[in-house]
Protein backbone atom coordinates (compact mmCIF):
# COMPACT_ATOMS: atom_id res chain seq x y z
CA MET A 1 0.00 0.00 0.00
CA THR A 2 2.80 2.43 0.82
CA GLY A 3 4.44 1.90 -2.57
CA ARG A 4 1.15 2.60 -4.29
CA LEU A 5 0.69 5.81 -2.35
CA LEU A 6 4.23 6.91 -3.18
CA SER A 7 3.76 6.27 -6.90
CA THR A 8 0.35 7.99 -6.93
CA GLY A 9 1.72 10.98 -5.04
CA ALA A 10 4.72 11.22 -7.36
CA ARG A 11 2.61 11.73 -10.51
CA GLY A 12 2.24 15.45 -9.95
CA LEU A 13 5.91 16.00 -9.18
CA PRO A 14 8.72 16.78 -11.62
CA PRO A 15 10.63 13.72 -12.91
CA HIS A 16 13.67 14.24 -10.68
CA CYS A 17 11.46 14.19 -7.57
CA GLY A 18 10.09 10.79 -8.53
CA ARG A 19 13.57 9.37 -8.50
CA ASN A 20 14.10 10.76 -5.02
CA ILE A 21 10.96 9.03 -3.77
CA THR A 22 12.18 5.78 -5.30
CA GLU A 23 15.56 6.30 -3.66
CA LEU A 24 13.83 6.89 -0.34
CA ALA A 25 11.83 3.66 -0.66
CA GLN A 26 14.96 1.69 -1.59
CA ARG A 27 16.93 3.07 1.33
CA ALA A 28 14.05 2.30 3.71
CA GLN A 29 13.97 -1.27 2.44
CA PHE A 30 17.75 -1.56 2.84
CA HIS A 31 17.66 -0.29 6.43
CA GLN A 32 14.67 -2.46 7.30
CA ALA A 33 16.57 -5.55 6.13
CA ARG A 34 19.64 -4.54 8.15
CA LEU A 35 17.61 -3.84 11.29
CA ALA A 36 15.61 -7.07 10.95
CA GLU A 37 18.87 -9.03 10.89
CA HIS A 38 19.25 -8.13 14.56
CA LEU A 39 15.82 -9.48 15.54
CA ILE A 40 16.79 -13.08 16.22
CA PRO A 41 14.03 -15.03 18.01
CA SER A 42 16.60 -17.18 19.86
CA SER A 43 18.29 -14.07 21.29
CA LEU A 44 17.70 -13.44 24.99
CA SER A 45 17.34 -9.68 24.46
CA TYR A 46 14.71 -10.29 21.74
CA GLN A 47 12.77 -12.65 24.00
CA GLU A 48 12.97 -10.22 26.91
CA GLY A 49 11.81 -7.31 24.75
CA LEU A 50 8.97 -9.38 23.35
CA ARG A 51 7.94 -10.47 26.86
CA ARG A 52 7.95 -6.87 28.11
CA ALA A 53 5.94 -5.65 25.10
CA ALA A 54 3.41 -8.46 25.53
CA GLN A 55 3.18 -7.67 29.24
CA HIS A 56 2.62 -3.99 28.46
CA PHE A 57 -0.16 -4.78 25.99
CA THR A 58 -1.73 -7.25 28.43
CA THR A 59 -1.71 -4.59 31.16
CA ALA A 60 -3.39 -2.19 28.74
CA GLY A 61 -6.15 -4.77 28.26
CA SER A 62 -5.67 -5.83 24.66
CA GLY A 63 -2.38 -7.65 24.62
CA THR A 64 -1.17 -10.81 23.01
CA GLN A 65 2.24 -11.99 21.94
CA ARG A 66 1.13 -11.56 18.33
CA GLN A 67 0.42 -7.89 18.96
CA ALA A 68 3.86 -7.50 20.56
CA VAL A 69 5.54 -9.02 17.48
CA GLY A 70 3.54 -6.62 15.28
CA TRP A 71 4.63 -3.72 17.45
CA LEU A 72 8.30 -4.73 17.08
CA GLY A 73 7.83 -4.95 13.31
CA GLN A 74 6.29 -1.48 13.24
CA LEU A 75 9.15 -0.17 15.35
CA VAL A 76 11.70 -1.56 12.88
CA GLN A 77 9.78 -0.04 9.96
CA ASN A 78 9.65 3.39 11.63
CA GLN A 79 13.37 3.33 12.38
CA ALA A 80 14.16 2.23 8.82
CA SER A 81 12.12 5.15 7.45
CA ILE A 82 13.96 7.64 9.63
CA LEU A 83 17.33 6.24 8.55
CA ALA A 84 16.24 6.44 4.89
CA TYR A 85 15.28 10.11 5.27
CA ILE A 86 18.66 10.79 6.87
CA ASP A 87 20.43 9.09 3.95
CA VAL A 88 18.56 11.12 1.34
CA PHE A 89 19.08 14.32 3.33
CA TRP A 90 22.85 13.71 3.38
CA CYS A 91 22.86 13.10 -0.37
CA PHE A 92 21.12 16.44 -0.93
CA ALA A 93 23.47 18.18 1.52
CA ILE A 94 26.55 16.85 -0.27
CA PHE A 95 25.07 17.87 -3.62
CA ALA A 96 24.38 21.38 -2.31
CA VAL A 97 27.93 21.74 -0.99
CA VAL A 98 29.36 20.58 -4.33
CA MET A 99 27.18 23.10 -6.19
CA ILE A 100 28.50 26.10 -4.21
CA PRO A 101 31.83 26.28 -6.12
CA VAL A 102 29.99 25.66 -9.38
CA ALA A 103 27.72 28.62 -8.69
CA LEU A 104 30.68 30.81 -7.81
CA MET A 105 32.43 29.94 -11.08
CA LEU A 106 29.50 31.05 -13.24
CA LYS A 107 29.93 34.35 -14.99
CA SER A 108 27.49 37.06 -14.13
CA ILE A 109 25.55 38.61 -16.99
CA GLY A 110 25.80 42.38 -17.09
CA SER A 111 22.76 44.50 -17.85
CA GLN A 112 24.33 45.65 -21.13
CA GLN A 113 24.87 42.10 -22.36
CA VAL A 114 21.22 41.22 -22.12
CA GLN A 115 19.48 41.60 -25.50
CA MET A 116 15.79 42.08 -25.87
CA GLY A 117 14.01 39.45 -27.90
CA HIS A 118 11.71 41.93 -29.71
């Protein structure tokens, strides 16, 4: 569903913005895979975190272990999205820094050099 919303939302944007949205989705997927590698069900820290989340949801009145696993999955997805935005932000920042010398090297056009098109 998220991919569909991204592609629908990108229709009204210029072509270069569509590539950025695709880059964002790819980076989110990359980070989600890396973060999920650390969620090992046999790990004691994973089991403890899952037990605490299930206990929290049970205390709230609607908890099951399945809901706790879903919550952990959502947490991983949220963190992956944040890391993806940071990656894309850094790419834009580096591009902007590289463009500063390029902008300074451009010649300015004097008012006398400008010709009217009439």
